[in-house]
């Protein structure tokens, strides 16, 4: 049986010390919006942007998804 499709998850966070490094815009700090999108191959693409901004940065590479939700 195949695993059900996972949805795109989005949440607002406060960047820790040093911020978050992206390939597109470099380090971003402060209040951020983070989105993860499943790629269908067991990995997820992550997008990070300043909260309330239109432009986002992408860290690379895509990261592995856990086999089951944490918690």
N, C-alpha and C. Protein backbone atom coordinates (compact mmCIF):
# COMPACT_ATOMS: atom_id res chain seq x y z
N UNK A 1 0.86 -1.18 0.00
CA UNK A 1 0.00 0.00 0.00
C UNK A 1 0.90 1.24 0.00
N UNK A 2 0.59 2.19 -0.84
CA UNK A 2 1.39 3.41 -0.90
C UNK A 2 0.94 4.39 0.18
N UNK A 3 1.88 5.26 0.56
CA UNK A 3 1.62 6.27 1.58
C UNK A 3 0.76 7.38 0.98
N UNK A 4 -0.23 7.90 1.71
CA UNK A 4 -1.04 9.00 1.18
C UNK A 4 -0.18 10.23 0.90
N UNK A 5 -0.60 11.01 -0.10
CA UNK A 5 0.13 12.22 -0.45
C UNK A 5 0.14 13.18 0.73
N UNK A 6 1.27 13.80 0.95
CA UNK A 6 1.38 14.80 2.02
C UNK A 6 1.15 16.17 1.42
N UNK A 7 0.58 17.03 2.20
CA UNK A 7 0.29 18.37 1.73
C UNK A 7 1.44 19.32 2.02
N UNK A 8 1.41 20.45 1.36
CA UNK A 8 2.38 21.52 1.63
C UNK A 8 2.08 22.08 3.01
N UNK A 9 3.13 22.21 3.82
CA UNK A 9 2.98 22.74 5.18
C UNK A 9 3.67 24.10 5.27
N UNK A 10 3.01 25.06 5.91
CA UNK A 10 3.54 26.42 6.03
C UNK A 10 3.38 26.87 7.47
N UNK A 11 4.45 27.52 8.02
CA UNK A 11 4.36 28.04 9.38
C UNK A 11 5.30 29.23 9.53
N UNK A 12 5.00 30.09 10.47
CA UNK A 12 5.85 31.24 10.78
C UNK A 12 6.75 30.88 11.95
N UNK A 13 8.03 31.27 11.85
CA UNK A 13 9.01 30.98 12.89
C UNK A 13 9.91 32.18 13.10
N UNK A 14 10.64 32.20 14.20
CA UNK A 14 11.67 33.20 14.46
C UNK A 14 13.00 32.52 14.20
N UNK A 15 13.83 33.07 13.32
CA UNK A 15 15.13 32.47 13.01
C UNK A 15 16.01 32.47 14.25
N UNK A 16 16.76 31.39 14.42
CA UNK A 16 17.70 31.29 15.53
C UNK A 16 18.97 32.08 15.25
N UNK A 17 19.95 31.98 16.13
CA UNK A 17 21.22 32.69 15.95
C UNK A 17 21.85 32.33 14.59
N UNK A 18 22.27 33.32 13.85
CA UNK A 18 22.87 33.08 12.55
C UNK A 18 21.89 33.06 11.40
N UNK A 19 20.58 33.01 11.68
CA UNK A 19 19.58 33.04 10.63
C UNK A 19 19.49 31.75 9.84
N UNK A 20 18.93 31.83 8.65
CA UNK A 20 18.77 30.69 7.76
C UNK A 20 19.46 31.02 6.44
N UNK A 21 20.33 30.12 5.98
CA UNK A 21 21.06 30.33 4.72
C UNK A 21 20.24 29.81 3.55
N UNK A 22 20.11 30.65 2.52
CA UNK A 22 19.42 30.24 1.29
C UNK A 22 20.37 30.40 0.11
N UNK A 23 20.13 29.64 -0.94
CA UNK A 23 20.93 29.76 -2.16
C UNK A 23 20.61 31.06 -2.89
N UNK A 24 19.35 31.49 -2.82
CA UNK A 24 18.88 32.61 -3.63
C UNK A 24 19.24 33.98 -3.07
N UNK A 25 19.05 34.16 -1.76
CA UNK A 25 19.21 35.50 -1.18
C UNK A 25 20.21 35.55 -0.03
N UNK A 26 20.91 34.46 0.25
CA UNK A 26 21.88 34.44 1.35
C UNK A 26 21.19 34.22 2.68
N UNK A 27 21.77 34.78 3.75
CA UNK A 27 21.23 34.60 5.10
C UNK A 27 20.04 35.52 5.32
N UNK A 28 18.97 34.96 5.87
CA UNK A 28 17.83 35.78 6.27
C UNK A 28 17.57 35.54 7.75
N UNK A 29 17.15 36.58 8.44
CA UNK A 29 16.97 36.53 9.88
C UNK A 29 15.62 37.13 10.27
N UNK A 30 15.28 37.00 11.54
CA UNK A 30 14.05 37.61 12.04
C UNK A 30 12.86 36.69 11.87
N UNK A 31 11.69 37.29 11.68
CA UNK A 31 10.45 36.53 11.52
C UNK A 31 10.39 35.98 10.11
N UNK A 32 10.27 34.66 10.00
CA UNK A 32 10.30 33.98 8.70
C UNK A 32 9.07 33.11 8.51
N UNK A 33 8.73 32.87 7.27
CA UNK A 33 7.73 31.88 6.91
C UNK A 33 8.47 30.73 6.24
N UNK A 34 8.23 29.50 6.73
CA UNK A 34 8.87 28.32 6.18
C UNK A 34 7.78 27.42 5.57
N UNK A 35 8.02 26.96 4.34
CA UNK A 35 7.08 26.06 3.68
C UNK A 35 7.83 24.81 3.23
N UNK A 36 7.24 23.64 3.43
CA UNK A 36 7.80 22.40 2.93
C UNK A 36 6.80 21.78 1.97
N UNK A 37 7.32 21.30 0.83
CA UNK A 37 6.48 20.68 -0.19
C UNK A 37 7.05 19.31 -0.54
N UNK A 38 6.30 18.23 -0.36
CA UNK A 38 6.78 16.91 -0.72
C UNK A 38 7.07 16.84 -2.23
N UNK A 39 8.16 16.17 -2.59
CA UNK A 39 8.54 16.02 -3.99
C UNK A 39 8.08 14.70 -4.59
N UNK A 40 7.57 13.80 -3.76
CA UNK A 40 7.08 12.53 -4.26
C UNK A 40 8.13 11.44 -4.34
N UNK A 41 9.38 11.77 -4.00
CA UNK A 41 10.46 10.77 -4.04
C UNK A 41 11.07 10.56 -2.66
N UNK A 42 10.31 10.90 -1.61
CA UNK A 42 10.82 10.74 -0.26
C UNK A 42 11.57 11.95 0.26
N UNK A 43 11.63 13.03 -0.53
CA UNK A 43 12.29 14.27 -0.11
C UNK A 43 11.28 15.40 -0.13
N UNK A 44 11.65 16.52 0.50
CA UNK A 44 10.80 17.71 0.51
C UNK A 44 11.62 18.92 0.11
N UNK A 45 11.01 19.82 -0.65
CA UNK A 45 11.62 21.10 -0.97
C UNK A 45 11.22 22.08 0.12
N UNK A 46 12.17 22.88 0.58
CA UNK A 46 11.91 23.87 1.62
C UNK A 46 12.04 25.26 1.02
N UNK A 47 11.11 26.13 1.34
CA UNK A 47 11.17 27.54 0.94
C UNK A 47 11.12 28.38 2.20
N UNK A 48 11.96 29.40 2.26
CA UNK A 48 12.03 30.29 3.42
C UNK A 48 11.92 31.72 2.93
N UNK A 49 11.12 32.51 3.60
CA UNK A 49 11.02 33.93 3.24
C UNK A 49 10.75 34.75 4.48
N UNK A 50 11.06 36.05 4.37
CA UNK A 50 10.67 36.95 5.45
C UNK A 50 9.16 36.89 5.57
N UNK A 51 8.65 36.88 6.80
CA UNK A 51 7.21 36.88 7.01
C UNK A 51 6.59 38.06 6.26
N UNK A 52 5.51 37.81 5.58
CA UNK A 52 4.76 38.83 4.84
C UNK A 52 5.45 39.28 3.56
N UNK A 53 6.51 38.59 3.11
CA UNK A 53 7.21 38.97 1.88
C UNK A 53 6.72 38.14 0.70
N UNK A 54 6.96 38.64 -0.52
CA UNK A 54 6.57 37.92 -1.72
C UNK A 54 7.68 37.01 -2.23
N UNK A 55 8.94 37.40 -2.03
CA UNK A 55 10.08 36.67 -2.56
C UNK A 55 10.57 35.66 -1.52
N UNK A 56 10.94 34.45 -1.99
CA UNK A 56 11.43 33.45 -1.05
C UNK A 56 12.78 32.92 -1.50
N UNK A 57 13.51 32.35 -0.56
CA UNK A 57 14.79 31.73 -0.83
C UNK A 57 14.66 30.23 -0.64
N UNK A 58 15.56 29.48 -1.28
CA UNK A 58 15.51 28.03 -1.20
C UNK A 58 16.84 27.49 -0.72
N UNK A 59 16.85 26.83 0.44
CA UNK A 59 18.07 26.15 0.84
C UNK A 59 18.22 24.90 -0.03
N UNK A 60 19.41 24.40 -0.19
CA UNK A 60 19.57 23.18 -0.98
C UNK A 60 20.48 22.23 -0.23
N UNK A 61 20.43 20.97 -0.49
CA UNK A 61 19.49 20.31 -1.39
C UNK A 61 18.15 20.07 -0.71
N UNK A 62 17.23 19.44 -1.44
CA UNK A 62 15.97 19.03 -0.82
C UNK A 62 16.30 18.05 0.30
N UNK A 63 15.47 18.03 1.31
CA UNK A 63 15.77 17.21 2.49
C UNK A 63 14.90 15.96 2.53
N UNK A 64 15.42 14.86 3.15
CA UNK A 64 14.61 13.65 3.28
C UNK A 64 13.42 13.88 4.20
N UNK A 65 12.30 13.28 3.87
CA UNK A 65 11.12 13.32 4.73
C UNK A 65 11.22 12.20 5.75
N UNK A 66 10.73 12.43 6.97
CA UNK A 66 10.71 11.34 7.94
C UNK A 66 9.72 10.27 7.47
N UNK A 67 9.92 9.04 7.89
CA UNK A 67 9.05 7.96 7.47
C UNK A 67 7.67 8.06 8.11
N UNK A 68 7.58 8.77 9.22
CA UNK A 68 6.29 9.00 9.88
C UNK A 68 6.37 10.32 10.63
N UNK A 69 5.24 10.96 10.85
CA UNK A 69 5.24 12.24 11.56
C UNK A 69 5.86 12.12 12.95
N UNK A 70 6.61 13.13 13.34
CA UNK A 70 7.20 13.17 14.68
C UNK A 70 6.12 13.45 15.71
N UNK A 71 6.35 13.01 16.92
CA UNK A 71 5.44 13.38 18.00
C UNK A 71 4.69 12.24 18.47
